[in-house]
Amino acid sequence: MISKRYIPYTDLRKYFAPEFAAFWFMNGNHASSEVCFTANLALICKEVEHSHDDFITEHFRKYSEPDLPFVWKILEVILMGTLSKLYSNFSDTTAKHAVQENL
């Protein structure tokens, strides 16, 4: 269960990115539910598409693949609700517990 406190994106970067790589949010193998994974990825795509942040625009000027930026850029632009859904659907409970212990 998620703590009643919000999950700071910096904690996800700290505990998830080093172990699961820069594009873990695009890998369905890290999801508890394929349905939620697909819905979360669609939300992320929508939120990135609507972002006018310079670092997102620059990313797409520089890279054509993969379809989305690195996780540390994604976590800067997605909404808190999307962040919570992404975290909730993450299948590795050890990583999730590491984040919760530091809240």
Protein backbone atom coordinates (compact mmCIF):
# COMPACT_ATOMS: atom_id res chain seq x y z
CA MET A 1 0.00 0.00 0.00
CA ILE A 2 1.21 3.49 -0.81
CA SER A 3 1.97 5.76 2.08
CA LYS A 4 -0.46 8.64 2.60
CA ARG A 5 2.43 10.95 1.88
CA TYR A 6 3.20 11.61 -1.75
CA ILE A 7 6.00 9.80 -3.55
CA PRO A 8 8.65 12.37 -4.52
CA TYR A 9 9.93 11.84 -8.05
CA THR A 10 13.48 12.15 -6.75
CA ASP A 11 12.95 8.96 -4.73
CA LEU A 12 11.86 7.08 -7.84
CA ARG A 13 14.94 8.30 -9.67
CA LYS A 14 17.16 7.36 -6.77
CA TYR A 15 15.82 3.84 -6.22
CA PHE A 16 14.41 2.77 -9.59
CA ALA A 17 16.59 4.29 -12.34
CA PRO A 18 19.99 2.89 -11.29
CA GLU A 19 18.73 -0.67 -10.97
CA PHE A 20 16.09 -0.75 -13.68
CA ALA A 21 17.66 1.63 -16.26
CA ALA A 22 16.58 4.88 -17.88
CA PHE A 23 13.49 3.50 -19.59
CA TRP A 24 12.04 1.17 -16.92
CA PHE A 25 8.65 2.88 -17.20
CA MET A 26 8.42 1.61 -20.81
CA ASN A 27 9.13 -2.01 -19.86
CA GLY A 28 6.00 -4.04 -19.15
CA ASN A 29 8.09 -6.62 -17.31
CA HIS A 30 8.32 -4.16 -14.39
CA ALA A 31 4.53 -3.82 -14.14
CA SER A 32 2.18 -5.71 -11.87
CA SER A 33 -0.70 -5.27 -14.31
CA GLU A 34 -0.43 -5.14 -18.09
CA VAL A 35 -3.68 -3.18 -18.29
CA CYS A 36 -2.40 -0.54 -15.87
CA PHE A 37 0.97 -0.49 -17.62
CA THR A 38 -0.70 0.30 -20.95
CA ALA A 39 -2.91 2.99 -19.39
CA ASN A 40 0.05 4.55 -17.54
CA LEU A 41 2.19 4.63 -20.67
CA ALA A 42 -0.65 6.33 -22.57
CA LEU A 43 -0.92 8.96 -19.80
CA ILE A 44 2.83 9.54 -19.84
CA CYS A 45 2.82 9.96 -23.63
CA LYS A 46 -0.03 12.47 -23.39
CA GLU A 47 1.62 14.47 -20.63
CA VAL A 48 4.98 14.57 -22.41
CA GLU A 49 3.26 15.59 -25.64
CA HIS A 50 1.63 18.53 -23.85
CA SER A 51 4.86 19.61 -22.17
CA HIS A 52 6.44 22.83 -23.35
CA ASP A 53 9.52 22.45 -21.17
CA ASP A 54 12.75 23.30 -22.95
CA PHE A 55 14.48 20.10 -21.87
CA ILE A 56 11.70 17.99 -23.41
CA THR A 57 11.73 19.96 -26.67
CA GLU A 58 15.52 19.71 -26.81
CA HIS A 59 15.38 15.98 -26.14
CA PHE A 60 13.17 15.39 -29.17
CA ARG A 61 15.41 17.58 -31.32
CA LYS A 62 18.38 15.47 -30.31
CA TYR A 63 16.91 11.95 -30.20
CA SER A 64 14.42 10.20 -32.44
CA GLU A 65 14.40 6.93 -30.49
CA PRO A 66 12.98 5.69 -28.20
CA ASP A 67 9.59 7.41 -28.36
CA LEU A 68 9.91 8.94 -24.89
CA PRO A 69 12.70 10.69 -22.98
CA PHE A 70 14.73 9.20 -20.16
CA VAL A 71 12.90 8.55 -16.89
CA TRP A 72 14.53 11.50 -15.09
CA LYS A 73 13.01 13.82 -17.71
CA ILE A 74 9.65 12.05 -17.65
CA LEU A 75 9.37 12.38 -13.88
CA GLU A 76 9.78 16.14 -14.20
CA VAL A 77 6.69 16.57 -16.40
CA ILE A 78 4.14 13.92 -15.40
CA LEU A 79 1.34 14.76 -13.00
CA MET A 80 1.38 13.52 -9.41
CA GLY A 81 -1.54 11.20 -10.13
CA THR A 82 0.37 9.60 -12.97
CA LEU A 83 3.44 9.28 -10.77
CA SER A 84 1.35 7.54 -8.12
CA LYS A 85 -0.13 5.13 -10.67
CA LEU A 86 3.30 4.38 -12.10
CA TYR A 87 4.65 3.66 -8.63
CA SER A 88 1.63 1.57 -7.62
CA ASN A 89 1.95 -0.65 -10.67
CA PHE A 90 5.68 -1.24 -10.28
CA SER A 91 6.22 -4.94 -9.61
CA ASP A 92 9.48 -4.92 -7.65
CA THR A 93 8.39 -4.69 -4.02
CA THR A 94 11.95 -4.37 -2.72
CA ALA A 95 12.46 -1.13 -4.65
CA LYS A 96 9.05 0.15 -3.58
CA HIS A 97 9.86 -0.59 0.09
CA ALA A 98 13.15 1.31 -0.25
CA VAL A 99 11.21 4.36 -1.42
CA GLN A 100 8.61 4.03 1.37
CA GLU A 101 11.25 3.68 4.08
CA ASN A 102 12.64 7.07 3.11
CA LEU A 103 9.35 8.98 3.11
